[in-house]
Amino acid sequence: MKKLLLSAVATATVLGATSGAFASDDGWYVRAGVGYGSLESSTLTGALNGKANARGELRPTVGLGYDFGNDWRVDFDLTQRWNDTGAVGNYPNSSSDMSSTSLMTNIIYDFQTASKFTPYLGAGVGYARNHLSAIGTFDGLPTSVVGAAKDAKSDFAYNLLAGIGYELDRNWTFDLGYRFFRVGSQNYDAFSGTSASTIKTSNYTSHDVMASIRLQDFSVPLVTLPSIRFTSPIKSAT
């Protein structure tokens, strides 16, 4: 029992020290927001052939970053991009969707001004998981499928950033920016009639306008432990 109590005290001490270490970190920030963007026209070849034109869609985004205090920041970004790309080429009975989930590491430079506005430029590289769902038929019936695909591929991605931050107060910043995002061409598994085939898409290129809120210097301890006092249930004999 004594060993168990000593272990509990030791664990509490370690966790308390860990929470203090996290609380003392300077420069970290968290970010969340949403954007609106669209793909450039994409060309499909293989089981389906032709161009697909995307409509604008929402782009939710979250991130974690570190401000080095010398106008440079590193920002780890997770963004989801959905795109209804509609009909494919000259197939009147066709539809397609392309989406991308990206995890990026961005380096950003802030241009300090004598105001609450801070313009910035940045660039980054990362990893994207792209999804294609497409089908084309002669007359809209399942028995007349020309080509179809429902597959996902992963590849290298890069983006360029430009925007401006507005300081709401010491810890909160509103961010409005533009992103150019690109993934190279992809080969997706597909079917042509009843035979296995592929569909190749051209570069996945998205133009996005993003709005987000940054919370910086959040010095709230991650773990707050209550004071615990252990007493022995056995009284010493008198």
Protein backbone atom coordinates (compact mmCIF):
# COMPACT_ATOMS: atom_id res chain seq x y z
CA MET A 1 0.00 0.00 0.00
CA LYS A 2 2.85 2.35 0.85
CA LYS A 3 4.43 1.65 -2.54
CA LEU A 4 1.13 2.50 -4.25
CA LEU A 5 0.87 5.79 -2.33
CA LEU A 6 4.46 6.69 -3.10
CA SER A 7 3.83 5.96 -6.80
CA ALA A 8 0.78 8.23 -6.75
CA VAL A 9 2.78 11.04 -5.16
CA ALA A 10 5.61 10.60 -7.68
CA THR A 11 3.19 10.58 -10.61
CA ALA A 12 1.48 13.74 -9.35
CA THR A 13 4.87 15.44 -8.99
CA VAL A 14 5.90 14.53 -12.55
CA LEU A 15 2.59 15.69 -14.05
CA GLY A 16 2.76 18.92 -12.12
CA ALA A 17 6.26 19.59 -13.42
CA THR A 18 5.14 18.74 -16.95
CA SER A 19 2.21 21.16 -16.79
CA GLY A 20 4.56 23.90 -15.61
CA ALA A 21 6.89 23.23 -18.53
CA PHE A 22 4.07 23.55 -21.02
CA ALA A 23 2.79 26.72 -19.40
CA SER A 24 6.20 28.38 -19.70
CA ASP A 25 6.45 27.86 -23.48
CA ASP A 26 6.41 31.23 -25.28
CA GLY A 27 5.48 31.88 -28.90
CA TRP A 28 3.09 28.98 -29.46
CA TYR A 29 -0.31 29.69 -31.01
CA VAL A 30 -3.36 27.78 -32.14
CA ARG A 31 -5.49 28.71 -35.11
CA ALA A 32 -8.90 27.81 -36.54
CA GLY A 33 -10.89 29.17 -39.45
CA VAL A 34 -12.70 28.59 -42.69
CA GLY A 35 -12.16 29.64 -46.28
CA TYR A 36 -13.70 29.55 -49.71
CA GLY A 37 -11.97 28.37 -52.85
CA SER A 38 -12.13 26.52 -56.12
CA LEU A 39 -10.03 24.30 -58.35
CA GLU A 40 -8.66 25.24 -61.71
CA SER A 41 -10.17 23.15 -64.53
CA SER A 42 -8.96 19.57 -64.31
CA THR A 43 -8.46 17.23 -67.28
CA LEU A 44 -9.32 13.54 -66.93
CA THR A 45 -7.93 10.89 -69.27
CA GLY A 46 -8.40 7.13 -69.37
CA ALA A 47 -11.71 5.47 -68.48
CA LEU A 48 -13.28 8.95 -68.71
CA ASN A 49 -11.94 11.72 -70.92
CA GLY A 50 -12.55 15.45 -70.78
CA LYS A 51 -12.45 18.51 -68.56
CA ALA A 52 -14.15 18.93 -65.19
CA ASN A 53 -14.90 22.41 -63.87
CA ALA A 54 -15.20 22.94 -60.12
CA ARG A 55 -17.57 25.15 -58.22
CA GLY A 56 -16.47 27.11 -55.17
CA GLU A 57 -16.61 25.23 -51.85
CA LEU A 58 -15.76 25.81 -48.18
CA ARG A 59 -12.28 25.07 -46.79
CA PRO A 60 -12.17 24.42 -43.00
CA THR A 61 -8.70 24.73 -41.49
CA VAL A 62 -6.93 24.33 -38.13
CA GLY A 63 -3.31 24.86 -37.21
CA LEU A 64 -0.61 25.00 -34.58
CA GLY A 65 2.31 27.39 -34.89
CA TYR A 66 5.31 28.92 -33.18
CA ASP A 67 6.35 32.58 -33.37
CA PHE A 68 10.13 32.91 -32.95
CA GLY A 69 9.84 36.58 -32.00
CA ASN A 70 12.05 37.77 -34.89
CA ASP A 71 9.24 38.12 -37.48
CA TRP A 72 9.50 34.44 -38.49
CA ARG A 73 6.86 31.81 -37.75
CA VAL A 74 6.46 28.11 -38.44
CA ASP A 75 2.87 26.96 -38.96
CA PHE A 76 1.57 23.38 -39.08
CA ASP A 77 -1.66 23.37 -41.06
CA LEU A 78 -4.48 20.86 -41.60
CA THR A 79 -7.00 21.85 -44.29
CA GLN A 80 -9.89 20.05 -45.98
CA ARG A 81 -10.88 20.98 -49.55
CA TRP A 82 -14.12 19.72 -51.10
CA ASN A 83 -14.92 20.24 -54.79
CA ASP A 84 -17.99 19.37 -56.83
CA THR A 85 -16.41 19.17 -60.29
CA GLY A 86 -19.65 18.32 -62.11
CA ALA A 87 -19.89 16.72 -65.53
CA VAL A 88 -16.82 15.30 -67.25
CA GLY A 89 -16.12 16.37 -70.83
CA ASN A 90 -18.84 15.54 -73.35
CA TYR A 91 -20.54 12.88 -71.23
CA PRO A 92 -23.98 14.41 -70.56
CA ASN A 93 -24.77 11.78 -67.92
CA SER A 94 -21.69 12.16 -65.78
CA SER A 95 -20.64 13.58 -62.43
CA SER A 96 -17.43 13.95 -60.45
CA ASP A 97 -16.09 15.09 -57.10
CA MET A 98 -12.49 15.79 -56.13
CA SER A 99 -11.38 16.46 -52.57
CA SER A 100 -8.10 16.87 -50.76
CA THR A 101 -6.98 16.63 -47.13
CA SER A 102 -3.60 18.28 -46.63
CA LEU A 103 -1.08 18.46 -43.79
CA MET A 104 1.45 21.23 -44.44
CA THR A 105 4.47 22.80 -42.76
CA ASN A 106 4.69 26.50 -43.61
CA ILE A 107 7.40 29.09 -43.00
CA ILE A 108 5.93 32.59 -42.68
CA TYR A 109 7.55 36.03 -42.48
CA ASP A 110 5.64 38.89 -40.81
CA PHE A 111 6.25 42.46 -42.01
CA GLN A 112 5.97 44.60 -38.88
CA THR A 113 4.23 47.97 -39.18
CA ALA A 114 3.52 50.82 -36.80
CA SER A 115 -0.09 49.69 -36.55
CA LYS A 116 -2.21 46.68 -35.61
CA PHE A 117 -1.97 45.36 -39.19
CA THR A 118 0.80 42.87 -40.02
CA PRO A 119 1.16 41.69 -43.64
CA TYR A 120 2.88 38.35 -44.22
CA LEU A 121 4.22 36.04 -46.92
CA GLY A 122 4.85 32.33 -46.63
CA ALA A 123 5.46 29.03 -48.35
CA GLY A 124 5.26 25.42 -47.34
CA VAL A 125 5.42 21.78 -48.30
CA GLY A 126 3.57 18.74 -47.06
CA TYR A 127 1.42 15.75 -47.80
CA ALA A 128 -2.04 15.52 -49.36
CA ARG A 129 -4.59 12.74 -49.59
CA ASN A 130 -6.69 13.29 -52.71
CA HIS A 131 -9.99 11.55 -53.48
CA LEU A 132 -11.72 11.12 -56.84
CA SER A 133 -15.31 9.97 -57.33
CA ALA A 134 -16.45 10.00 -60.97
CA ILE A 135 -18.92 8.19 -63.21
CA GLY A 136 -20.05 8.57 -66.80
CA THR A 137 -22.90 6.72 -68.55
CA PHE A 138 -24.53 6.67 -71.99
CA ASP A 139 -28.07 7.27 -70.78
CA GLY A 140 -27.91 7.63 -67.01
CA LEU A 141 -28.60 3.96 -66.30
CA PRO A 142 -26.24 1.77 -64.24
CA THR A 143 -26.11 -0.75 -67.10
CA SER A 144 -24.56 1.79 -69.50
CA VAL A 145 -21.50 2.89 -67.53
CA VAL A 146 -18.67 4.17 -69.75
CA GLY A 147 -16.18 4.66 -66.94
CA ALA A 148 -16.16 5.07 -63.17
CA ALA A 149 -13.70 5.61 -60.33
CA LYS A 150 -13.81 5.89 -56.55
CA ASP A 151 -10.26 5.95 -55.25
CA ALA A 152 -7.76 7.93 -53.16
CA LYS A 153 -4.07 8.68 -53.65
CA SER A 154 -1.42 10.44 -51.58
CA ASP A 155 1.33 12.71 -52.85
CA PHE A 156 3.66 15.64 -52.19
CA ALA A 157 1.96 19.05 -52.01
CA TYR A 158 3.10 22.65 -51.77
CA ASN A 159 1.46 26.00 -51.19
CA LEU A 160 2.17 29.74 -51.24
CA LEU A 161 0.58 32.16 -48.78
CA ALA A 162 -0.03 35.89 -48.55
CA GLY A 163 -2.22 37.79 -46.16
CA ILE A 164 -2.59 40.23 -43.33
CA GLY A 165 -3.17 39.84 -39.62
CA TYR A 166 -5.08 42.31 -37.44
CA GLU A 167 -4.30 42.39 -33.70
CA LEU A 168 -7.59 42.27 -31.79
CA ASP A 169 -5.73 42.34 -28.47
CA ARG A 170 -2.45 41.03 -27.04
CA ASN A 171 -3.34 37.35 -27.56
CA TRP A 172 -5.93 37.35 -30.35
CA THR A 173 -5.31 38.00 -34.06
CA PHE A 174 -7.72 37.95 -36.99
CA ASP A 175 -6.07 36.60 -40.14
CA LEU A 176 -7.25 37.07 -43.72
CA GLY A 177 -5.17 35.52 -46.47
CA TYR A 178 -4.83 33.87 -49.87
CA ARG A 179 -3.42 30.39 -50.57
CA PHE A 180 -2.20 28.83 -53.78
CA PHE A 181 -2.23 25.05 -53.25
CA ARG A 182 -1.04 22.37 -55.67
CA VAL A 183 -0.67 18.59 -55.90
CA GLY A 184 0.73 16.91 -59.02
CA SER A 185 -1.24 14.71 -61.43
CA GLN A 186 -2.68 11.48 -60.04
CA ASN A 187 -3.54 8.03 -61.43
CA TYR A 188 -6.69 6.55 -59.88
CA ASP A 189 -7.94 2.99 -60.15
CA ALA A 190 -11.09 2.87 -62.28
CA PHE A 191 -13.35 0.73 -64.46
CA SER A 192 -14.13 1.08 -68.14
CA GLY A 193 -17.26 -0.93 -68.78
CA THR A 194 -16.51 -4.17 -66.93
CA SER A 195 -12.71 -3.98 -67.28
CA ALA A 196 -10.19 -2.56 -64.81
CA SER A 197 -8.71 0.72 -65.97
CA THR A 198 -7.34 4.02 -64.65
CA ILE A 199 -8.26 7.68 -64.70
CA LYS A 200 -5.44 10.21 -64.72
CA THR A 201 -6.14 13.73 -63.50
CA SER A 202 -4.10 16.83 -64.21
CA ASN A 203 -2.60 18.93 -61.39
CA TYR A 204 -4.88 19.58 -58.45
CA THR A 205 -4.58 23.39 -58.17
CA SER A 206 -6.71 25.33 -55.72
CA HIS A 207 -7.07 29.07 -55.12
CA ASP A 208 -8.38 29.79 -51.62
CA VAL A 209 -9.30 32.82 -49.52
CA MET A 210 -9.00 31.94 -45.83
CA ALA A 211 -10.16 33.69 -42.65
CA SER A 212 -9.03 32.48 -39.23
CA ILE A 213 -8.48 33.47 -35.61
CA ARG A 214 -5.14 32.97 -33.86
CA LEU A 215 -4.74 32.61 -30.11
CA GLN A 216 -1.16 33.26 -29.02
CA ASP A 217 0.75 33.03 -25.71
CA PHE A 218 -1.90 30.83 -24.12
CA SER A 219 -0.23 30.41 -20.73
CA VAL A 220 -2.99 28.32 -19.13
CA PRO A 221 -1.52 25.11 -17.63
CA LEU A 222 -2.53 22.03 -19.61
CA VAL A 223 -2.88 19.98 -16.40
CA THR A 224 -4.08 21.38 -13.07
CA LEU A 225 -3.85 18.94 -10.20
CA PRO A 226 -5.56 19.43 -6.82
CA SER A 227 -3.52 19.28 -3.66
CA ILE A 228 -3.72 15.73 -2.32
CA ARG A 229 -2.83 14.77 1.22
CA PHE A 230 -2.54 11.13 2.17
CA THR A 231 -3.12 10.07 5.77
CA SER A 232 -2.77 6.65 7.25
CA PRO A 233 -6.09 5.01 8.26
CA ILE A 234 -4.29 3.17 11.10
CA LYS A 235 -3.66 5.13 14.26
CA SER A 236 -0.62 4.35 16.30
CA ALA A 237 -1.25 2.55 19.55
CA THR A 238 -1.17 4.68 22.68
